[in-house]
């Protein structure tokens, strides 16, 4: 993932799930949080490689195990748009 970020230089990174969110937050110096507290929020970071927006989302498979999350996921995906 690090190599892909370095090559592509995305301006927006959308993390799917807690593991991906924790990794990216740590990589960009953001304070680790519970995904339930930060999903769908936009975090802006700046470093030597430029400015980026990081948007953590629940992993879509979460909706399989918890149908109540489906509506939350749909709202959060609208933030990405």
PDB file of N, CA and C in Angstrom:
ATOM      1  N   UNK A   1       0.821  -1.179   0.000  1.00  0.00           N
ATOM      2  CA  UNK A   1       0.000   0.000   0.000  1.00  0.00           C
ATOM      3  C   UNK A   1       0.874   1.255   0.000  1.00  0.00           C
ATOM      4  N   UNK A   2       1.948   1.228   0.767  1.00  0.00           N
ATOM      5  CA  UNK A   2       2.832   2.392   0.809  1.00  0.00           C
ATOM      6  C   UNK A   2       3.369   2.725  -0.577  1.00  0.00           C
ATOM      7  N   UNK A   3       3.761   1.701  -1.300  1.00  0.00           N
ATOM      8  CA  UNK A   3       4.315   1.914  -2.642  1.00  0.00           C
ATOM      9  C   UNK A   3       3.243   2.485  -3.580  1.00  0.00           C
ATOM     10  N   UNK A   4       2.038   1.981  -3.483  1.00  0.00           N
ATOM     11  CA  UNK A   4       0.952   2.487  -4.321  1.00  0.00           C
ATOM     12  C   UNK A   4       0.669   3.954  -4.021  1.00  0.00           C
ATOM     13  N   UNK A   5       0.648   4.317  -2.754  1.00  0.00           N
ATOM     14  CA  UNK A   5       0.415   5.712  -2.374  1.00  0.00           C
ATOM     15  C   UNK A   5       1.533   6.593  -2.919  1.00  0.00           C
ATOM     16  N   UNK A   6       2.758   6.108  -2.824  1.00  0.00           N
ATOM     17  CA  UNK A   6       3.907   6.878  -3.308  1.00  0.00           C
ATOM     18  C   UNK A   6       3.833   7.086  -4.821  1.00  0.00           C
ATOM     19  N   UNK A   7       3.445   6.070  -5.556  1.00  0.00           N
ATOM     20  CA  UNK A   7       3.386   6.152  -7.018  1.00  0.00           C
ATOM     21  C   UNK A   7       2.184   6.975  -7.490  1.00  0.00           C
ATOM     22  N   UNK A   8       1.014   6.691  -6.937  1.00  0.00           N
ATOM     23  CA  UNK A   8      -0.226   7.314  -7.410  1.00  0.00           C
ATOM     24  C   UNK A   8      -0.398   8.733  -6.873  1.00  0.00           C
ATOM     25  N   UNK A   9       0.078   8.977  -5.659  1.00  0.00           N
ATOM     26  CA  UNK A   9      -0.078  10.275  -4.995  1.00  0.00           C
ATOM     27  C   UNK A   9      -1.547  10.721  -4.955  1.00  0.00           C
ATOM     28  N   UNK A  10      -2.400   9.905  -4.349  1.00  0.00           N
ATOM     29  CA  UNK A  10      -3.832  10.253  -4.321  1.00  0.00           C
ATOM     30  C   UNK A  10      -4.091  11.478  -3.454  1.00  0.00           C
ATOM     31  N   UNK A  11      -5.088  12.238  -3.830  1.00  0.00           N
ATOM     32  CA  UNK A  11      -5.477  13.385  -2.998  1.00  0.00           C
ATOM     33  C   UNK A  11      -6.531  12.976  -1.978  1.00  0.00           C
ATOM     34  N   UNK A  12      -7.186  11.843  -2.227  1.00  0.00           N
ATOM     35  CA  UNK A  12      -8.175  11.314  -1.294  1.00  0.00           C
ATOM     36  C   UNK A  12      -7.877   9.832  -1.065  1.00  0.00           C
ATOM     37  N   UNK A  13      -7.847   9.452   0.202  1.00  0.00           N
ATOM     38  CA  UNK A  13      -7.675   8.046   0.568  1.00  0.00           C
ATOM     39  C   UNK A  13      -8.887   7.642   1.391  1.00  0.00           C
ATOM     40  N   UNK A  14      -9.608   6.631   0.909  1.00  0.00           N
ATOM     41  CA  UNK A  14     -10.769   6.111   1.619  1.00  0.00           C
ATOM     42  C   UNK A  14     -10.371   4.756   2.193  1.00  0.00           C
ATOM     43  N   UNK A  15     -10.421   4.659   3.506  1.00  0.00           N
ATOM     44  CA  UNK A  15     -10.074   3.388   4.144  1.00  0.00           C
ATOM     45  C   UNK A  15     -11.347   2.597   4.390  1.00  0.00           C
ATOM     46  N   UNK A  16     -11.268   1.308   4.122  1.00  0.00           N
ATOM     47  CA  UNK A  16     -12.422   0.430   4.341  1.00  0.00           C
ATOM     48  C   UNK A  16     -12.116  -0.499   5.492  1.00  0.00           C
ATOM     49  N   UNK A  17     -12.696  -0.198   6.632  1.00  0.00           N
ATOM     50  CA  UNK A  17     -12.505  -1.037   7.802  1.00  0.00           C
ATOM     51  C   UNK A  17     -11.495  -0.482   8.785  1.00  0.00           C
ATOM     52  N   UNK A  18     -11.518  -1.071   9.965  1.00  0.00           N
ATOM     53  CA  UNK A  18     -10.696  -0.597  11.070  1.00  0.00           C
ATOM     54  C   UNK A  18      -9.203  -0.803  10.827  1.00  0.00           C
ATOM     55  N   UNK A  19      -8.817  -1.958  10.317  1.00  0.00           N
ATOM     56  CA  UNK A  19      -7.397  -2.242  10.112  1.00  0.00           C
ATOM     57  C   UNK A  19      -6.772  -1.225   9.157  1.00  0.00           C
ATOM     58  N   UNK A  20      -7.419  -0.999   8.018  1.00  0.00           N
ATOM     59  CA  UNK A  20      -6.901  -0.035   7.039  1.00  0.00           C
ATOM     60  C   UNK A  20      -6.870   1.372   7.623  1.00  0.00           C
ATOM     61  N   UNK A  21      -7.913   1.732   8.370  1.00  0.00           N
ATOM     62  CA  UNK A  21      -7.957   3.060   8.971  1.00  0.00           C
ATOM     63  C   UNK A  21      -6.810   3.256   9.958  1.00  0.00           C
ATOM     64  N   UNK A  22      -6.584   2.290  10.836  1.00  0.00           N
ATOM     65  CA  UNK A  22      -5.514   2.406  11.827  1.00  0.00           C
ATOM     66  C   UNK A  22      -4.152   2.545  11.135  1.00  0.00           C
ATOM     67  N   UNK A  23      -3.924   1.773  10.082  1.00  0.00           N
ATOM     68  CA  UNK A  23      -2.654   1.824   9.360  1.00  0.00           C
ATOM     69  C   UNK A  23      -2.430   3.204   8.737  1.00  0.00           C
ATOM     70  N   UNK A  24      -3.432   3.704   8.042  1.00  0.00           N
ATOM     71  CA  UNK A  24      -3.302   4.999   7.367  1.00  0.00           C
ATOM     72  C   UNK A  24      -3.221   6.139   8.380  1.00  0.00           C
ATOM     73  N   UNK A  25      -4.011   6.076   9.447  1.00  0.00           N
ATOM     74  CA  UNK A  25      -3.923   7.113  10.477  1.00  0.00           C
ATOM     75  C   UNK A  25      -2.508   7.176  11.040  1.00  0.00           C
ATOM     76  N   UNK A  26      -1.938   6.025  11.357  1.00  0.00           N
ATOM     77  CA  UNK A  26      -0.590   5.991  11.907  1.00  0.00           C
ATOM     78  C   UNK A  26       0.413   6.531  10.888  1.00  0.00           C
ATOM     79  N   UNK A  27       0.281   6.132   9.648  1.00  0.00           N
ATOM     80  CA  UNK A  27       1.194   6.555   8.585  1.00  0.00           C
ATOM     81  C   UNK A  27       1.199   8.073   8.425  1.00  0.00           C
ATOM     82  N   UNK A  28       0.055   8.705   8.562  1.00  0.00           N
ATOM     83  CA  UNK A  28      -0.048  10.143   8.352  1.00  0.00           C
ATOM     84  C   UNK A  28      -0.111  10.946   9.661  1.00  0.00           C
ATOM     85  N   UNK A  29       0.224  10.293  10.764  1.00  0.00           N
ATOM     86  CA  UNK A  29       0.344  11.002  12.032  1.00  0.00           C
ATOM     87  C   UNK A  29      -0.959  11.415  12.682  1.00  0.00           C
ATOM     88  N   UNK A  30      -2.035  10.731  12.370  1.00  0.00           N
ATOM     89  CA  UNK A  30      -3.310  11.021  13.010  1.00  0.00           C
ATOM     90  C   UNK A  30      -3.482  10.143  14.243  1.00  0.00           C
ATOM     91  N   UNK A  31      -4.204  10.659  15.202  1.00  0.00           N
ATOM     92  CA  UNK A  31      -4.442   9.920  16.432  1.00  0.00           C
ATOM     93  C   UNK A  31      -5.376   8.740  16.155  1.00  0.00           C
ATOM     94  N   UNK A  32      -4.969   7.544  16.554  1.00  0.00           N
ATOM     95  CA  UNK A  32      -5.851   6.378  16.355  1.00  0.00           C
ATOM     96  C   UNK A  32      -7.168   6.566  17.108  1.00  0.00           C
ATOM     97  N   UNK A  33      -8.232   6.253  16.448  1.00  0.00           N
ATOM     98  CA  UNK A  33      -9.571   6.369  17.025  1.00  0.00           C
ATOM     99  C   UNK A  33     -10.349   5.094  16.750  1.00  0.00           C
ATOM    100  N   UNK A  34     -11.479   4.968  17.388  1.00  0.00           N
ATOM    101  CA  UNK A  34     -12.386   3.870  17.057  1.00  0.00           C
ATOM    102  C   UNK A  34     -13.114   4.250  15.779  1.00  0.00           C
ATOM    103  N   UNK A  35     -13.246   3.303  14.889  1.00  0.00           N
ATOM    104  CA  UNK A  35     -13.907   3.589  13.616  1.00  0.00           C
ATOM    105  C   UNK A  35     -15.347   4.056  13.831  1.00  0.00           C
ATOM    106  N   UNK A  36     -15.978   3.577  14.893  1.00  0.00           N
ATOM    107  CA  UNK A  36     -17.361   3.982  15.174  1.00  0.00           C
ATOM    108  C   UNK A  36     -17.465   5.474  15.493  1.00  0.00           C
ATOM    109  N   UNK A  37     -16.357   6.091  15.887  1.00  0.00           N
ATOM    110  CA  UNK A  37     -16.365   7.517  16.210  1.00  0.00           C
ATOM    111  C   UNK A  37     -15.993   8.412  15.028  1.00  0.00           C
ATOM    112  N   UNK A  38     -15.295   7.859  14.024  1.00  0.00           N
ATOM    113  CA  UNK A  38     -14.768   8.717  12.961  1.00  0.00           C
ATOM    114  C   UNK A  38     -15.244   8.353  11.554  1.00  0.00           C
ATOM    115  N   UNK A  39     -16.027   7.302  11.412  1.00  0.00           N
ATOM    116  CA  UNK A  39     -16.443   6.908  10.064  1.00  0.00           C
ATOM    117  C   UNK A  39     -17.189   8.051   9.385  1.00  0.00           C
ATOM    118  N   UNK A  40     -16.907   8.230   8.110  1.00  0.00           N
ATOM    119  CA  UNK A  40     -17.595   9.252   7.327  1.00  0.00           C
ATOM    120  C   UNK A  40     -17.092  10.668   7.527  1.00  0.00           C
ATOM    121  N   UNK A  41     -16.096  10.867   8.364  1.00  0.00           N
ATOM    122  CA  UNK A  41     -15.524  12.202   8.570  1.00  0.00           C
ATOM    123  C   UNK A  41     -14.302  12.377   7.680  1.00  0.00           C
ATOM    124  N   UNK A  42     -14.052  13.607   7.289  1.00  0.00           N
ATOM    125  CA  UNK A  42     -12.921  13.907   6.422  1.00  0.00           C
ATOM    126  C   UNK A  42     -11.788  14.477   7.270  1.00  0.00           C
ATOM    127  N   UNK A  43     -10.618  13.865   7.153  1.00  0.00           N
ATOM    128  CA  UNK A  43      -9.426  14.315   7.853  1.00  0.00           C
ATOM    129  C   UNK A  43      -8.444  14.841   6.813  1.00  0.00           C
ATOM    130  N   UNK A  44      -8.015  16.077   6.982  1.00  0.00           N
ATOM    131  CA  UNK A  44      -7.063  16.657   6.042  1.00  0.00           C
ATOM    132  C   UNK A  44      -5.674  16.601   6.652  1.00  0.00           C
ATOM    133  N   UNK A  45      -4.720  16.082   5.858  1.00  0.00           N
ATOM    134  CA  UNK A  45      -3.338  15.974   6.321  1.00  0.00           C
ATOM    135  C   UNK A  45      -2.412  16.579   5.272  1.00  0.00           C
ATOM    136  N   UNK A  46      -1.316  17.110   5.745  1.00  0.00           N
ATOM    137  CA  UNK A  46      -0.282  17.654   4.866  1.00  0.00           C
ATOM    138  C   UNK A  46       1.049  17.074   5.295  1.00  0.00           C
ATOM    139  N   UNK A  47       1.849  16.713   4.304  1.00  0.00           N
ATOM    140  CA  UNK A  47       3.214  16.292   4.584  1.00  0.00           C
ATOM    141  C   UNK A  47       4.076  16.643   3.381  1.00  0.00           C
ATOM    142  N   UNK A  48       5.268  16.145   3.338  1.00  0.00           N
ATOM    143  CA  UNK A  48       6.188  16.491   2.262  1.00  0.00           C
ATOM    144  C   UNK A  48       5.683  16.061   0.883  1.00  0.00           C
ATOM    145  N   UNK A  49       4.809  15.092   0.840  1.00  0.00           N
ATOM    146  CA  UNK A  49       4.309  14.605  -0.446  1.00  0.00           C
ATOM    147  C   UNK A  49       3.018  15.291  -0.880  1.00  0.00           C
ATOM    148  N   UNK A  50       2.521  16.234  -0.095  1.00  0.00           N
ATOM    149  CA  UNK A  50       1.334  16.992  -0.488  1.00  0.00           C
ATOM    150  C   UNK A  50       0.196  16.906   0.514  1.00  0.00           C
ATOM    151  N   UNK A  51      -0.922  17.465   0.084  1.00  0.00           N
ATOM    152  CA  UNK A  51      -2.134  17.489   0.909  1.00  0.00           C
ATOM    153  C   UNK A  51      -3.033  16.328   0.517  1.00  0.00           C
ATOM    154  N   UNK A  52      -3.646  15.743   1.526  1.00  0.00           N
ATOM    155  CA  UNK A  52      -4.541  14.615   1.276  1.00  0.00           C
ATOM    156  C   UNK A  52      -5.749  14.701   2.199  1.00  0.00           C
ATOM    157  N   UNK A  53      -6.817  14.085   1.748  1.00  0.00           N
ATOM    158  CA  UNK A  53      -8.001  13.899   2.583  1.00  0.00           C
ATOM    159  C   UNK A  53      -8.117  12.404   2.847  1.00  0.00           C
ATOM    160  N   UNK A  54      -8.343  12.073   4.099  1.00  0.00           N
ATOM    161  CA  UNK A  54      -8.516  10.681   4.494  1.00  0.00           C
ATOM    162  C   UNK A  54      -9.933  10.533   5.030  1.00  0.00           C
ATOM    163  N   UNK A  55     -10.649   9.557   4.467  1.00  0.00           N
ATOM    164  CA  UNK A  55     -12.033   9.331   4.866  1.00  0.00           C
ATOM    165  C   UNK A  55     -12.176   7.870   5.299  1.00  0.00           C
ATOM    166  N   UNK A  56     -12.283   7.626   6.597  1.00  0.00           N
ATOM    167  CA  UNK A  56     -12.482   6.246   7.056  1.00  0.00           C
ATOM    168  C   UNK A  56     -13.945   5.824   6.925  1.00  0.00           C
ATOM    169  N   UNK A  57     -14.135   4.605   6.447  1.00  0.00           N
ATOM    170  CA  UNK A  57     -15.479   4.036   6.333  1.00  0.00           C
ATOM    171  C   UNK A  57     -15.480   2.644   6.948  1.00  0.00           C
ATOM    172  N   UNK A  58     -16.657   2.204   7.371  1.00  0.00           N
ATOM    173  CA  UNK A  58     -16.794   0.810   7.759  1.00  0.00           C
ATOM    174  C   UNK A  58     -16.510  -0.035   6.527  1.00  0.00           C
ATOM    175  N   UNK A  59     -16.005  -1.221   6.728  1.00  0.00           N
ATOM    176  CA  UNK A  59     -15.839  -2.140   5.605  1.00  0.00           C
ATOM    177  C   UNK A  59     -17.234  -2.576   5.169  1.00  0.00           C
ATOM    178  N   UNK A  60     -17.490  -2.622   3.861  1.00  0.00           N
ATOM    179  CA  UNK A  60     -18.836  -2.993   3.395  1.00  0.00           C
ATOM    180  C   UNK A  60     -19.334  -4.344   3.909  1.00  0.00           C
ATOM    181  N   UNK A  61     -18.440  -5.267   4.190  1.00  0.00           N
ATOM    182  CA  UNK A  61     -18.883  -6.568   4.704  1.00  0.00           C
ATOM    183  C   UNK A  61     -19.529  -6.448   6.078  1.00  0.00           C
ATOM    184  N   UNK A  62     -19.302  -5.352   6.761  1.00  0.00           N
ATOM    185  CA  UNK A  62     -19.922  -5.130   8.073  1.00  0.00           C
ATOM    186  C   UNK A  62     -21.445  -5.161   7.956  1.00  0.00           C
ATOM    187  N   UNK A  63     -21.964  -4.693   6.838  1.00  0.00           N
ATOM    188  CA  UNK A  63     -23.417  -4.659   6.649  1.00  0.00           C
ATOM    189  C   UNK A  63     -24.015  -6.061   6.575  1.00  0.00           C
ATOM    190  N   UNK A  64     -23.201  -7.045   6.222  1.00  0.00           N
ATOM    191  CA  UNK A  64     -23.696  -8.423   6.187  1.00  0.00           C
ATOM    192  C   UNK A  64     -24.007  -8.901   7.603  1.00  0.00           C
ATOM    193  N   UNK A  65     -23.138  -8.558   8.522  1.00  0.00           N
ATOM    194  CA  UNK A  65     -23.285  -9.014   9.909  1.00  0.00           C
ATOM    195  C   UNK A  65     -24.156  -8.089  10.745  1.00  0.00           C
ATOM    196  N   UNK A  66     -24.258  -6.848  10.323  1.00  0.00           N
ATOM    197  CA  UNK A  66     -25.044  -5.875  11.065  1.00  0.00           C
ATOM    198  C   UNK A  66     -25.855  -5.040  10.061  1.00  0.00           C
ATOM    199  N   UNK A  67     -27.057  -5.464   9.727  1.00  0.00           N
ATOM    200  CA  UNK A  67     -27.863  -4.775   8.718  1.00  0.00           C
ATOM    201  C   UNK A  67     -28.119  -3.298   9.024  1.00  0.00           C
ATOM    202  N   UNK A  68     -28.046  -2.899  10.290  1.00  0.00           N
ATOM    203  CA  UNK A  68     -28.245  -1.488  10.648  1.00  0.00           C
ATOM    204  C   UNK A  68     -27.144  -0.605  10.089  1.00  0.00           C
ATOM    205  N   UNK A  69     -26.010  -1.162   9.780  1.00  0.00           N
ATOM    206  CA  UNK A  69     -24.867  -0.405   9.265  1.00  0.00           C
ATOM    207  C   UNK A  69     -25.065  -0.009   7.801  1.00  0.00           C
ATOM    208  N   UNK A  70     -25.951  -0.702   7.098  1.00  0.00           N
ATOM    209  CA  UNK A  70     -26.138  -0.431   5.667  1.00  0.00           C
ATOM    210  C   UNK A  70     -26.462   1.039   5.404  1.00  0.00           C
ATOM    211  N   UNK A  71     -27.393   1.599   6.138  1.00  0.00           N
ATOM    212  CA  UNK A  71     -27.766   3.009   5.951  1.00  0.00           C
ATOM    213  C   UNK A  71     -26.600   3.939   6.291  1.00  0.00           C
ATOM    214  N   UNK A  72     -25.860   3.591   7.329  1.00  0.00           N
ATOM    215  CA  UNK A  72     -24.678   4.380   7.714  1.00  0.00           C
ATOM    216  C   UNK A  72     -23.656   4.360   6.577  1.00  0.00           C
ATOM    217  N   UNK A  73     -23.419   3.186   6.018  1.00  0.00           N
ATOM    218  CA  UNK A  73     -22.475   3.061   4.902  1.00  0.00           C
ATOM    219  C   UNK A  73     -22.915   3.902   3.708  1.00  0.00           C
ATOM    220  N   UNK A  74     -24.179   3.863   3.383  1.00  0.00           N
ATOM    221  CA  UNK A  74     -24.680   4.645   2.251  1.00  0.00           C
ATOM    222  C   UNK A  74     -24.480   6.139   2.473  1.00  0.00           C
ATOM    223  N   UNK A  75     -24.743   6.609   3.679  1.00  0.00           N
ATOM    224  CA  UNK A  75     -24.511   8.027   3.999  1.00  0.00           C
ATOM    225  C   UNK A  75     -23.030   8.370   3.906  1.00  0.00           C
ATOM    226  N   UNK A  76     -22.196   7.477   4.442  1.00  0.00           N
ATOM    227  CA  UNK A  76     -20.745   7.731   4.427  1.00  0.00           C
ATOM    228  C   UNK A  76     -20.189   7.752   3.005  1.00  0.00           C
ATOM    229  N   UNK A  77     -20.691   6.873   2.137  1.00  0.00           N
ATOM    230  CA  UNK A  77     -20.217   6.872   0.744  1.00  0.00           C
ATOM    231  C   UNK A  77     -20.585   8.165   0.033  1.00  0.00           C
ATOM    232  N   UNK A  78     -21.664   8.818   0.446  1.00  0.00           N
ATOM    233  CA  UNK A  78     -22.028  10.122  -0.137  1.00  0.00           C
ATOM    234  C   UNK A  78     -20.979  11.183   0.212  1.00  0.00           C
ATOM    235  N   UNK A  79     -20.348  11.045   1.365  1.00  0.00           N
ATOM    236  CA  UNK A  79     -19.270  11.978   1.755  1.00  0.00           C
ATOM    237  C   UNK A  79     -18.103  11.848   0.783  1.00  0.00           C
ATOM    238  N   UNK A  80     -17.819  10.628   0.370  1.00  0.00           N
ATOM    239  CA  UNK A  80     -16.719  10.391  -0.555  1.00  0.00           C
ATOM    240  C   UNK A  80     -16.987  11.103  -1.878  1.00  0.00           C
ATOM    241  N   UNK A  81     -18.216  11.065  -2.327  1.00  0.00           N
ATOM    242  CA  UNK A  81     -18.594  11.687  -3.598  1.00  0.00           C
ATOM    243  C   UNK A  81     -18.282  13.158  -3.572  1.00  0.00           C
TER     244      UNK A  81
END
